[in-house]
C-alpha atoms as a PDB file:
ATOM      1  CA  MET A   1      76.952 136.470 115.014  1.00  0.00           C
ATOM      2  CA  SER A   2      75.743 132.879 115.078  1.00  0.00           C
ATOM      3  CA  CYS A   3      74.403 130.608 112.359  1.00  0.00           C
ATOM      4  CA  SER A   4      70.658 130.043 112.142  1.00  0.00           C
ATOM      5  CA  ASN A   5      69.524 126.504 113.003  1.00  0.00           C
ATOM      6  CA  SER A   6      73.078 125.684 114.002  1.00  0.00           C
ATOM      7  CA  LYS A   7      73.866 122.998 116.571  1.00  0.00           C
ATOM      8  CA  SER A   8      77.032 124.749 117.676  1.00  0.00           C
ATOM      9  CA  PRO A   9      78.413 125.908 119.954  1.00  0.00           C
ATOM     10  CA  ALA A  10      76.795 123.108 121.919  1.00  0.00           C
ATOM     11  CA  ASN A  11      75.779 122.842 125.537  1.00  0.00           C
ATOM     12  CA  ILE A  12      78.205 120.216 126.856  1.00  0.00           C
ATOM     13  CA  THR A  13      76.323 117.858 129.150  1.00  0.00           C
ATOM     14  CA  LYS A  14      76.341 114.109 129.695  1.00  0.00           C
ATOM     15  CA  SER A  15      72.567 113.933 129.219  1.00  0.00           C
ATOM     16  CA  LYS A  16      73.039 114.620 125.487  1.00  0.00           C
ATOM     17  CA  ILE A  17      75.534 111.793 124.861  1.00  0.00           C
ATOM     18  CA  LEU A  18      74.255 109.463 122.125  1.00  0.00           C
ATOM     19  CA  ASN A  19      77.230 107.139 121.761  1.00  0.00           C
ATOM     20  CA  ASP A  20      80.517 106.449 123.449  1.00  0.00           C
ATOM     21  CA  CYS A  21      82.785 106.596 120.421  1.00  0.00           C
ATOM     22  CA  TYR A  22      86.224 105.038 120.681  1.00  0.00           C
ATOM     23  CA  LEU A  23      87.576 105.461 117.164  1.00  0.00           C
ATOM     24  CA  LYS A  24      84.977 107.419 115.223  1.00  0.00           C
ATOM     25  CA  CYS A  25      86.161 110.521 117.060  1.00  0.00           C
ATOM     26  CA  ASN A  26      89.749 109.389 117.493  1.00  0.00           C
ATOM     27  CA  TYR A  27      92.064 112.396 117.847  1.00  0.00           C
ATOM     28  CA  ASN A  28      95.870 112.265 117.728  1.00  0.00           C
ATOM     29  CA  TYR A  29      98.237 115.223 117.613  1.00  0.00           C
ATOM     30  CA  ASN A  30     101.883 116.231 117.508  1.00  0.00           C
ATOM     31  CA  TYR A  31     101.969 120.009 117.092  1.00  0.00           C
ATOM     32  CA  GLY A  32     105.540 120.910 117.985  1.00  0.00           C
ATOM     33  CA  ASN A  33     106.958 124.331 118.841  1.00  0.00           C
ATOM     34  CA  SER A  34     105.948 127.485 116.983  1.00  0.00           C
ATOM     35  CA  SER A  35     106.548 131.211 116.922  1.00  0.00           C
ATOM     36  CA  CYS A  36     103.600 133.367 117.963  1.00  0.00           C
ATOM     37  CA  LYS A  37     102.070 136.475 116.445  1.00  0.00           C
ATOM     38  CA  ALA A  38      99.058 137.844 118.341  1.00  0.00           C
ATOM     39  CA  THR A  39      96.294 140.101 117.014  1.00  0.00           C
ATOM     40  CA  ASN A  40      93.472 141.776 118.922  1.00  0.00           C
ATOM     41  CA  LYS A  41      90.304 140.926 116.960  1.00  0.00           C
ATOM     42  CA  ASN A  42      87.916 142.752 119.312  1.00  0.00           C
ATOM     43  CA  THR A  43      85.852 139.669 120.298  1.00  0.00           C
ATOM     44  CA  TYR A  44      88.796 137.281 120.488  1.00  0.00           C
ATOM     45  CA  LEU A  45      92.563 137.177 120.670  1.00  0.00           C
ATOM     46  CA  SER A  46      94.031 135.565 117.543  1.00  0.00           C
ATOM     47  CA  LEU A  47      97.318 133.626 117.768  1.00  0.00           C
ATOM     48  CA  SER A  48      99.270 132.334 114.791  1.00  0.00           C
ATOM     49  CA  TYR A  49     100.725 128.822 114.656  1.00  0.00           C
ATOM     50  CA  GLU A  50     103.298 127.477 112.219  1.00  0.00           C
ATOM     51  CA  HIS A  51     103.229 124.163 110.419  1.00  0.00           C
ATOM     52  CA  THR A  52     105.795 122.327 108.325  1.00  0.00           C
ATOM     53  CA  PRO A  53     104.727 121.816 104.668  1.00  0.00           C
ATOM     54  CA  ASN A  54     103.464 118.285 103.905  1.00  0.00           C
ATOM     55  CA  SER A  55     103.378 117.472 107.611  1.00  0.00           C
ATOM     56  CA  ASN A  56     100.413 116.434 109.750  1.00  0.00           C
ATOM     57  CA  GLN A  57      99.900 118.180 113.066  1.00  0.00           C
ATOM     58  CA  ALA A  58      96.756 116.263 113.948  1.00  0.00           C
ATOM     59  CA  VAL A  59      94.637 113.329 112.794  1.00  0.00           C
ATOM     60  CA  PHE A  60      90.896 113.190 113.479  1.00  0.00           C
ATOM     61  CA  ASN A  61      88.951 110.057 112.539  1.00  0.00           C
ATOM     62  CA  ASN A  62      91.853 109.133 110.236  1.00  0.00           C
ATOM     63  CA  ASN A  63      91.675 112.531 108.464  1.00  0.00           C
ATOM     64  CA  LYS A  64      94.898 114.548 108.473  1.00  0.00           C
ATOM     65  CA  MET A  65      94.772 118.109 109.793  1.00  0.00           C
ATOM     66  CA  ILE A  66      96.987 121.204 109.994  1.00  0.00           C
ATOM     67  CA  ILE A  67      96.432 124.278 112.165  1.00  0.00           C
ATOM     68  CA  GLU A  68      94.729 127.358 110.766  1.00  0.00           C
ATOM     69  CA  ASP A  69      95.020 129.534 113.884  1.00  0.00           C
ATOM     70  CA  VAL A  70      94.295 129.703 117.609  1.00  0.00           C
ATOM     71  CA  LYS A  71      91.542 131.883 119.119  1.00  0.00           C
ATOM     72  CA  ILE A  72      90.874 132.841 122.721  1.00  0.00           C
ATOM     73  CA  PHE A  73      87.333 133.991 123.619  1.00  0.00           C
ATOM     74  CA  LYS A  74      86.007 135.460 126.858  1.00  0.00           C
ATOM     75  CA  PRO A  75      83.594 134.158 127.992  1.00  0.00           C
ATOM     76  CA  SER A  76      83.510 130.722 126.349  1.00  0.00           C
ATOM     77  CA  LEU A  77      81.387 129.985 123.284  1.00  0.00           C
ATOM     78  CA  HIS A  78      80.304 126.582 124.598  1.00  0.00           C
ATOM     79  CA  THR A  79      78.266 126.208 127.749  1.00  0.00           C
ATOM     80  CA  TYR A  80      78.888 123.439 130.256  1.00  0.00           C
ATOM     81  CA  ASP A  81      75.663 122.189 131.845  1.00  0.00           C
ATOM     82  CA  GLY A  82      74.179 125.497 130.745  1.00  0.00           C
ATOM     83  CA  ILE A  83      76.931 127.728 132.156  1.00  0.00           C
ATOM     84  CA  LYS A  84      79.656 129.503 130.195  1.00  0.00           C
ATOM     85  CA  ALA A  85      83.267 129.047 131.290  1.00  0.00           C
ATOM     86  CA  ASP A  86      85.443 132.091 132.059  1.00  0.00           C
ATOM     87  CA  ALA A  87      87.146 131.797 128.665  1.00  0.00           C
ATOM     88  CA  GLU A  88      87.833 129.270 125.914  1.00  0.00           C
ATOM     89  CA  ILE A  89      90.717 128.513 123.580  1.00  0.00           C
ATOM     90  CA  ILE A  90      89.718 127.197 120.133  1.00  0.00           C
ATOM     91  CA  ILE A  91      92.315 125.574 117.877  1.00  0.00           C
ATOM     92  CA  SER A  92      91.143 125.736 114.256  1.00  0.00           C
ATOM     93  CA  HIS A  93      92.366 123.031 111.833  1.00  0.00           C
ATOM     94  CA  ARG A  94      92.137 122.731 108.065  1.00  0.00           C
ATOM     95  CA  GLY A  95      91.372 119.301 106.661  1.00  0.00           C
ATOM     96  CA  SER A  96      89.001 117.078 104.703  1.00  0.00           C
ATOM     97  CA  PRO A  97      86.097 116.349 104.654  1.00  0.00           C
ATOM     98  CA  ASN A  98      85.536 118.959 107.402  1.00  0.00           C
ATOM     99  CA  PRO A  99      87.647 121.408 109.371  1.00  0.00           C
ATOM    100  CA  LEU A 100      88.228 120.562 113.030  1.00  0.00           C
ATOM    101  CA  LEU A 101      87.804 122.841 116.042  1.00  0.00           C
ATOM    102  CA  VAL A 102      89.481 121.696 119.272  1.00  0.00           C
ATOM    103  CA  CYS A 103      87.944 123.616 122.175  1.00  0.00           C
ATOM    104  CA  ILE A 104      89.410 123.839 125.680  1.00  0.00           C
ATOM    105  CA  PRO A 105      87.613 125.701 128.485  1.00  0.00           C
ATOM    106  CA  ILE A 106      89.601 128.153 130.596  1.00  0.00           C
ATOM    107  CA  ILE A 107      88.601 128.650 134.224  1.00  0.00           C
ATOM    108  CA  SER A 108      89.828 130.641 137.178  1.00  0.00           C
ATOM    109  CA  GLY A 109      92.072 128.602 139.424  1.00  0.00           C
ATOM    110  CA  THR A 110      95.452 128.045 140.957  1.00  0.00           C
ATOM    111  CA  THR A 111      96.355 124.613 139.585  1.00  0.00           C
ATOM    112  CA  TYR A 112      99.171 125.516 137.237  1.00  0.00           C
ATOM    113  CA  ASN A 113     100.893 123.457 134.544  1.00  0.00           C
ATOM    114  CA  ASP A 114     102.918 124.093 131.372  1.00  0.00           C
ATOM    115  CA  GLY A 115      99.776 125.130 129.487  1.00  0.00           C
ATOM    116  CA  THR A 116      98.921 127.658 132.191  1.00  0.00           C
ATOM    117  CA  ASP A 117     102.391 129.212 132.059  1.00  0.00           C
ATOM    118  CA  ILE A 118     102.287 129.552 128.258  1.00  0.00           C
ATOM    119  CA  LEU A 119      98.839 131.174 128.105  1.00  0.00           C
ATOM    120  CA  GLU A 120      99.461 133.513 131.039  1.00  0.00           C
ATOM    121  CA  TYR A 121     102.695 134.741 129.464  1.00  0.00           C
ATOM    122  CA  ILE A 122     100.996 135.352 126.085  1.00  0.00           C
ATOM    123  CA  ILE A 123      97.980 137.146 127.601  1.00  0.00           C
ATOM    124  CA  ASN A 124     100.178 139.337 129.823  1.00  0.00           C
ATOM    125  CA  GLU A 125     102.356 140.293 126.835  1.00  0.00           C
ATOM    126  CA  CYS A 126      99.295 141.069 124.699  1.00  0.00           C
ATOM    127  CA  SER A 127      97.688 143.096 127.475  1.00  0.00           C
ATOM    128  CA  ALA A 128     100.742 145.357 127.547  1.00  0.00           C
ATOM    129  CA  LYS A 129     101.354 145.601 123.785  1.00  0.00           C
ATOM    130  CA  ILE A 130      98.010 145.235 121.956  1.00  0.00           C
ATOM    131  CA  PRO A 131      95.218 146.522 124.231  1.00  0.00           C
ATOM    132  CA  ASN A 132      93.325 148.009 121.250  1.00  0.00           C
ATOM    133  CA  VAL A 133      91.408 146.424 118.375  1.00  0.00           C
ATOM    134  CA  ASN A 134      93.423 145.346 115.293  1.00  0.00           C
ATOM    135  CA  GLU A 135      96.764 145.829 117.012  1.00  0.00           C
ATOM    136  CA  SER A 136      99.334 143.043 116.530  1.00  0.00           C
ATOM    137  CA  THR A 137     102.559 141.964 118.163  1.00  0.00           C
ATOM    138  CA  VAL A 138     105.124 139.190 117.946  1.00  0.00           C
ATOM    139  CA  VAL A 139     105.209 137.424 121.303  1.00  0.00           C
ATOM    140  CA  ASN A 140     108.760 136.524 122.264  1.00  0.00           C
ATOM    141  CA  ILE A 141     108.167 133.050 123.689  1.00  0.00           C
ATOM    142  CA  ASN A 142     110.345 129.956 123.278  1.00  0.00           C
ATOM    143  CA  ASN A 143     108.001 127.225 124.506  1.00  0.00           C
ATOM    144  CA  TYR A 144     104.812 127.995 122.572  1.00  0.00           C
ATOM    145  CA  ASN A 145     103.651 124.432 121.961  1.00  0.00           C
ATOM    146  CA  LEU A 146     100.050 123.218 121.855  1.00  0.00           C
ATOM    147  CA  ASP A 147     101.177 119.747 122.901  1.00  0.00           C
ATOM    148  CA  LYS A 148     101.490 121.300 126.387  1.00  0.00           C
ATOM    149  CA  ILE A 149      98.070 122.951 126.219  1.00  0.00           C
ATOM    150  CA  VAL A 150      95.709 120.279 124.835  1.00  0.00           C
ATOM    151  CA  PRO A 151      94.646 117.955 127.701  1.00  0.00           C
ATOM    152  CA  LYS A 152      95.211 114.221 127.343  1.00  0.00           C
ATOM    153  CA  LYS A 153      91.789 113.653 128.880  1.00  0.00           C
ATOM    154  CA  PRO A 154      88.357 112.382 127.730  1.00  0.00           C
ATOM    155  CA  PHE A 155      86.440 114.724 125.442  1.00  0.00           C
ATOM    156  CA  TYR A 156      83.107 115.287 123.700  1.00  0.00           C
ATOM    157  CA  SER A 157      82.699 115.392 119.925  1.00  0.00           C
ATOM    158  CA  TYR A 158      79.964 116.484 117.560  1.00  0.00           C
ATOM    159  CA  LEU A 159      79.314 117.831 114.065  1.00  0.00           C
ATOM    160  CA  GLY A 160      78.218 121.471 113.855  1.00  0.00           C
ATOM    161  CA  ASN A 161      78.936 124.787 112.171  1.00  0.00           C
ATOM    162  CA  ILE A 162      81.559 127.467 112.734  1.00  0.00           C
ATOM    163  CA  PRO A 163      79.476 130.203 114.420  1.00  0.00           C
ATOM    164  CA  TYR A 164      81.907 133.070 113.777  1.00  0.00           C
ATOM    165  CA  ASP A 165      82.328 132.147 110.083  1.00  0.00           C
ATOM    166  CA  THR A 166      80.202 134.204 107.672  1.00  0.00           C
ATOM    167  CA  LEU A 167      79.470 131.080 105.608  1.00  0.00           C
ATOM    168  CA  CYS A 168      78.669 128.980 108.701  1.00  0.00           C
ATOM    169  CA  ALA A 169      80.851 126.187 107.339  1.00  0.00           C
ATOM    170  CA  GLN A 170      80.336 122.708 108.727  1.00  0.00           C
ATOM    171  CA  SER A 171      82.982 121.534 111.178  1.00  0.00           C
ATOM    172  CA  ASP A 172      83.861 118.671 113.486  1.00  0.00           C
ATOM    173  CA  TYR A 173      84.275 119.572 117.146  1.00  0.00           C
ATOM    174  CA  VAL A 174      86.403 118.216 119.976  1.00  0.00           C
ATOM    175  CA  VAL A 175      85.425 119.783 123.309  1.00  0.00           C
ATOM    176  CA  PHE A 176      87.018 119.110 126.689  1.00  0.00           C
ATOM    177  CA  GLU A 177      85.225 119.339 130.029  1.00  0.00           C
ATOM    178  CA  THR A 178      85.778 122.171 132.498  1.00  0.00           C
ATOM    179  CA  ILE A 179      87.232 119.709 135.011  1.00  0.00           C
ATOM    180  CA  ASN A 180      90.058 119.131 132.514  1.00  0.00           C
ATOM    181  CA  GLY A 181      90.313 122.735 131.350  1.00  0.00           C
ATOM    182  CA  ILE A 182      93.185 125.198 131.770  1.00  0.00           C
ATOM    183  CA  GLN A 183      93.299 127.231 134.964  1.00  0.00           C
ATOM    184  CA  LEU A 184      94.431 130.866 134.860  1.00  0.00           C
ATOM    185  CA  SER A 185      94.713 133.414 137.620  1.00  0.00           C
ATOM    186  CA  THR A 186      91.894 135.897 138.139  1.00  0.00           C
ATOM    187  CA  GLU A 187      94.321 138.720 137.349  1.00  0.00           C
ATOM    188  CA  THR A 188      95.214 137.218 133.960  1.00  0.00           C
ATOM    189  CA  LEU A 189      91.532 136.632 133.099  1.00  0.00           C
ATOM    190  CA  ASN A 190      90.768 140.256 133.952  1.00  0.00           C
ATOM    191  CA  LYS A 191      93.550 141.414 131.599  1.00  0.00           C
ATOM    192  CA  LEU A 192      92.044 139.263 128.837  1.00  0.00           C
ATOM    193  CA  GLY A 193      88.609 140.772 129.508  1.00  0.00           C
ATOM    194  CA  ASN A 194      90.031 144.299 129.257  1.00  0.00           C
ATOM    195  CA  MET A 195      91.420 143.551 125.779  1.00  0.00           C
ATOM    196  CA  ILE A 196      88.458 141.818 124.143  1.00  0.00           C
ATOM    197  CA  SER A 197      84.682 141.949 124.447  1.00  0.00           C
ATOM    198  CA  SER A 198      82.111 139.155 124.515  1.00  0.00           C
ATOM    199  CA  SER A 199      81.339 137.525 121.161  1.00  0.00           C
ATOM    200  CA  GLY A 200      77.613 137.494 121.901  1.00  0.00           C
ATOM    201  CA  ILE A 201      77.370 133.993 120.423  1.00  0.00           C
ATOM    202  CA  GLU A 202      74.836 131.860 122.286  1.00  0.00           C
ATOM    203  CA  SER A 203      75.050 128.100 122.655  1.00  0.00           C
ATOM    204  CA  ALA A 204      72.645 125.796 120.853  1.00  0.00           C
ATOM    205  CA  SER A 205      70.348 123.339 122.602  1.00  0.00           C
ATOM    206  CA  GLY A 206      69.599 119.758 121.672  1.00  0.00           C
ATOM    207  CA  THR A 207      72.968 118.999 120.051  1.00  0.00           C
ATOM    208  CA  THR A 208      73.718 115.269 119.951  1.00  0.00           C
ATOM    209  CA  LEU A 209      77.099 114.522 121.495  1.00  0.00           C
ATOM    210  CA  PHE A 210      79.588 111.682 121.278  1.00  0.00           C
ATOM    211  CA  TYR A 211      82.080 110.874 124.022  1.00  0.00           C
ATOM    212  CA  ASN A 212      85.653 109.622 123.754  1.00  0.00           C
ATOM    213  CA  SER A 213      86.583 108.175 127.133  1.00  0.00           C
ATOM    214  CA  LYS A 214      90.186 107.449 126.135  1.00  0.00           C
ATOM    215  CA  GLY A 215      91.192 110.987 125.203  1.00  0.00           C
ATOM    216  CA  PRO A 216      93.635 112.135 122.493  1.00  0.00           C
ATOM    217  CA  ASN A 217      96.758 110.235 121.427  1.00  0.00           C
ATOM    218  CA  SER A 218      95.215 106.934 122.538  1.00  0.00           C
ATOM    219  CA  ASN A 219      95.911 105.604 119.045  1.00  0.00           C
ATOM    220  CA  SER A 220      98.862 107.256 117.284  1.00  0.00           C
ATOM    221  CA  SER A 221      98.828 104.949 114.244  1.00  0.00           C
ATOM    222  CA  ASP A 222      98.190 106.438 110.802  1.00  0.00           C
ATOM    223  CA  GLU A 223      96.659 103.159 109.622  1.00  0.00           C
ATOM    224  CA  ASP A 224      92.960 102.860 108.786  1.00  0.00           C
ATOM    225  CA  ILE A 225      90.700 102.826 111.799  1.00  0.00           C
ATOM    226  CA  TYR A 226      87.207 101.473 112.212  1.00  0.00           C
ATOM    227  CA  ILE A 227      84.122 102.834 113.917  1.00  0.00           C
ATOM    228  CA  ASP A 228      83.004 101.326 117.214  1.00  0.00           C
ATOM    229  CA  CYS A 229      80.282 103.285 118.969  1.00  0.00           C
ATOM    230  CA  LYS A 230      78.074 101.993 121.771  1.00  0.00           C
ATOM    231  CA  PRO A 231      74.855 103.618 123.086  1.00  0.00           C
ATOM    232  CA  VAL A 232      75.262 104.905 126.629  1.00  0.00           C
ATOM    233  CA  ASP A 233      73.092 106.542 129.273  1.00  0.00           C
ATOM    234  CA  GLU A 234      73.562 110.030 130.721  1.00  0.00           C
ATOM    235  CA  ASN A 235      76.282 108.732 133.014  1.00  0.00           C
ATOM    236  CA  GLY A 236      78.247 107.286 130.114  1.00  0.00           C
ATOM    237  CA  GLU A 237      77.309 103.655 130.879  1.00  0.00           C
ATOM    238  CA  ILE A 238      76.653 101.266 127.976  1.00  0.00           C
ATOM    239  CA  LEU A 239      72.926 100.579 127.598  1.00  0.00           C
ATOM    240  CA  ILE A 240      72.828  97.607 125.229  1.00  0.00           C
ATOM    241  CA  SER A 241      75.296  94.918 124.402  1.00  0.00           C
ATOM    242  CA  GLU A 242      76.679  94.383 120.946  1.00  0.00           C
ATOM    243  CA  ASN A 243      75.105  91.789 118.648  1.00  0.00           C
ATOM    244  CA  LYS A 244      76.246  88.195 118.603  1.00  0.00           C
ATOM    245  CA  THR A 245      78.606  88.712 115.694  1.00  0.00           C
ATOM    246  CA  ALA A 246      80.313  91.606 117.389  1.00  0.00           C
ATOM    247  CA  SER A 247      80.413  89.634 120.638  1.00  0.00           C
ATOM    248  CA  SER A 248      81.907  86.668 118.845  1.00  0.00           C
ATOM    249  CA  ASN A 249      84.531  88.862 117.206  1.00  0.00           C
ATOM    250  CA  SER A 250      85.312  90.435 120.557  1.00  0.00           C
ATOM    251  CA  ASP A 251      85.659  87.016 122.223  1.00  0.00           C
ATOM    252  CA  SER A 252      87.896  85.852 119.395  1.00  0.00           C
ATOM    253  CA  MET A 253      90.035  88.956 119.746  1.00  0.00           C
ATOM    254  CA  ASN A 254      90.256  88.518 123.525  1.00  0.00           C
ATOM    255  CA  PHE A 255      91.213  84.844 123.087  1.00  0.00           C
ATOM    256  CA  SER A 256      93.894  85.841 120.605  1.00  0.00           C
ATOM    257  CA  LEU A 257      95.211  88.439 123.010  1.00  0.00           C
ATOM    258  CA  ASP A 258      95.215  85.855 125.851  1.00  0.00           C
ATOM    259  CA  ILE A 259      97.225  83.400 123.714  1.00  0.00           C
ATOM    260  CA  ASP A 260      99.704  86.144 122.836  1.00  0.00           C
ATOM    261  CA  ASP A 261     100.083  87.047 126.499  1.00  0.00           C
ATOM    262  CA  ILE A 262     100.720  83.402 127.420  1.00  0.00           C
ATOM    263  CA  MET A 263     103.300  82.933 124.665  1.00  0.00           C
ATOM    264  CA  ASP A 264     105.090  86.110 125.705  1.00  0.00           C
ATOM    265  CA  SER A 265     105.254  85.094 129.377  1.00  0.00           C
ATOM    266  CA  ILE A 266     108.587  84.035 130.920  1.00  0.00           C
ATOM    267  CA  PHE A 267     107.073  80.805 132.259  1.00  0.00           C
ATOM    268  CA  PHE A 268     106.005  79.707 128.774  1.00  0.00           C
ATOM    269  CA  LYS A 269     109.484  80.429 127.430  1.00  0.00           C
ATOM    270  CA  ILE A 270     111.085  78.426 130.277  1.00  0.00           C
ATOM    271  CA  LEU A 271     108.733  75.504 129.579  1.00  0.00           C
ATOM    272  CA  ILE A 272     109.594  75.532 125.879  1.00  0.00           C
ATOM    273  CA  GLY A 273     113.296  75.675 126.768  1.00  0.00           C
ATOM    274  CA  LEU A 274     112.981  72.640 129.059  1.00  0.00           C
ATOM    275  CA  ILE A 275     111.102  70.674 126.406  1.00  0.00           C
ATOM    276  CA  VAL A 276     113.735  71.477 123.767  1.00  0.00           C
ATOM    277  CA  ALA A 277     116.539  70.554 126.199  1.00  0.00           C
ATOM    278  CA  LEU A 278     114.835  67.232 127.000  1.00  0.00           C
ATOM    279  CA  ILE A 279     114.446  66.422 123.303  1.00  0.00           C
ATOM    280  CA  ILE A 280     118.119  67.207 122.643  1.00  0.00           C
ATOM    281  CA  TYR A 281     119.182  65.088 125.653  1.00  0.00           C
ATOM    282  CA  LYS A 282     117.099  62.088 124.564  1.00  0.00           C
ATOM    283  CA  LEU A 283     118.255  62.369 120.949  1.00  0.00           C
ATOM    284  CA  GLY A 284     121.914  62.673 121.982  1.00  0.00           C
ATOM    285  CA  LYS A 285     121.646  59.688 124.309  1.00  0.00           C
ATOM    286  CA  TYR A 286     120.076  57.585 121.571  1.00  0.00           C
ATOM    287  CA  LEU A 287     122.758  58.507 119.018  1.00  0.00           C
ATOM    288  CA  LEU A 288     125.569  57.868 121.535  1.00  0.00           C
ATOM    289  CA  THR A 289     124.175  54.433 122.350  1.00  0.00           C
ATOM    290  CA  MET A 290     123.767  53.525 118.698  1.00  0.00           C
ATOM    291  CA  PHE A 291     127.313  54.497 117.634  1.00  0.00           C
ATOM    292  CA  SER A 292     129.114  53.139 120.713  1.00  0.00           C
ATOM    293  CA  SER A 293     127.561  49.590 120.597  1.00  0.00           C
ATOM    294  CA  PRO A 294     130.028  46.911 119.064  1.00  0.00           C
ATOM    295  CA  SER A 295     128.866  45.254 115.901  1.00  0.00           C
ATOM    296  CA  LYS A 296     128.709  41.461 115.957  1.00  0.00           C
ATOM    297  CA  PRO A 297     130.579  39.764 113.110  1.00  0.00           C
ATOM    298  CA  SER A 298     128.719  37.204 111.107  1.00  0.00           C
ATOM    299  CA  VAL A 299     130.545  33.827 111.334  1.00  0.00           C
ATOM    300  CA  SER A 300     130.063  31.045 108.819  1.00  0.00           C
ATOM    301  CA  ALA A 301     130.573  27.438 109.966  1.00  0.00           C
ATOM    302  CA  ASN A 302     132.773  26.760 106.927  1.00  0.00           C
ATOM    303  CA  ASP A 303     135.185  29.564 107.913  1.00  0.00           C
ATOM    304  CA  VAL A 304     135.941  28.349 111.443  1.00  0.00           C
ATOM    305  CA  SER A 305     139.137  26.257 111.621  1.00  0.00           C
ATOM    306  CA  SER A 306     139.484  25.836 115.357  1.00  0.00           C
ATOM    307  CA  VAL A 307     138.183  27.072 118.637  1.00  0.00           C
ATOM    308  CA  ALA A 308     140.175  26.917 121.843  1.00  0.00           C
ATOM    309  CA  THR A 309     138.272  27.194 125.060  1.00  0.00           C
ATOM    310  CA  ASP A 310     139.285  27.785 128.609  1.00  0.00           C
ATOM    311  CA  THR A 311     137.843  24.902 130.529  1.00  0.00           C
ATOM    312  CA  LYS A 312     138.387  26.572 133.885  1.00  0.00           C
ATOM    313  CA  GLY A 313     136.478  29.736 133.227  1.00  0.00           C
ATOM    314  CA  GLY A 314     134.096  28.350 130.669  1.00  0.00           C
ATOM    315  CA  PHE A 315     134.694  31.293 128.360  1.00  0.00           C
ATOM    316  CA  ILE A 316     135.780  31.353 124.774  1.00  0.00           C
ATOM    317  CA  LYS A 317     139.481  32.207 124.773  1.00  0.00           C
ATOM    318  CA  LYS A 318     140.493  32.251 121.160  1.00  0.00           C
ATOM    319  CA  MET A 319     138.966  31.980 117.714  1.00  0.00           C
ATOM    320  CA  LYS A 320     140.750  31.484 114.490  1.00  0.00           C
ATOM    321  CA  PHE A 321     139.109  32.150 111.192  1.00  0.00           C
ATOM    322  CA  LYS A 322     140.050  30.567 107.974  1.00  0.00           C
ATOM    323  CA  GLY A 323     140.095  33.069 105.155  1.00  0.00           C
ATOM    324  CA  LYS A 324     138.739  32.198 101.736  1.00  0.00           C
ATOM    325  CA  ASN A 325     141.211  31.251  99.034  1.00  0.00           C
END
């Protein structure tokens, strides 16, 4: 099924990008290891994922999220420039104000990584143990960790509905491109196709997309974040510059960052050290001169009784002072 008038699943294409969002669609995660129970749901393979109570597995736009489950569809629900990918993994999160769906395309290929190894092992196990609808199995896997599956690459984001939910609940989406998707062998994809059937869910047209060029975990702080979106063309280039206030703030920030860089440089620290050393040297020299200079006694004419002089050298040889009675 799909929701009427829904804008999801979207057709992922650069021509539909409205803004390049840096922090509005900021996505950070730290999922950790989990056990895995798999269930054949006919149109998708459902995988469980654990979470620690009162912990946050993901943060989207400063909203804390925990995982609901993981679904694998074949073919993908989203289209990419109008074409469905071989399969798609969708990570469902619970959170407020909206749930979050993180969607990663799966394509046929031979570029393997940790994510490839994990998914191929799970699909091969499920193919052998739960080939029929509603069958379940516990997958004996030690490295089931979504941190190794979610790409740290740029992604698209939009607000839509959950097409396989009977209530068509509203949800935020994070969708990665096929170029950054997970590659599985043709054999593994065929095994997946033998277990589940197509969902029949068609993509929606005209969905407005946002683009995060930095990718996930670019800002791992839990502090408040602000929104900074810039209009871009179909190639992702910024169309208009920010207003003068924003430009001024940006210049001020850049100047502040330049000053910080200068103050942190080794040359600045050496210069400060030389200046301090010079000040200490001058001050020490002045104090040494002041304390080592002899004081000149004040002599009253009434106190002098006699003065003997050396007529050869012309120097004063001896002075006798008459003390007061």
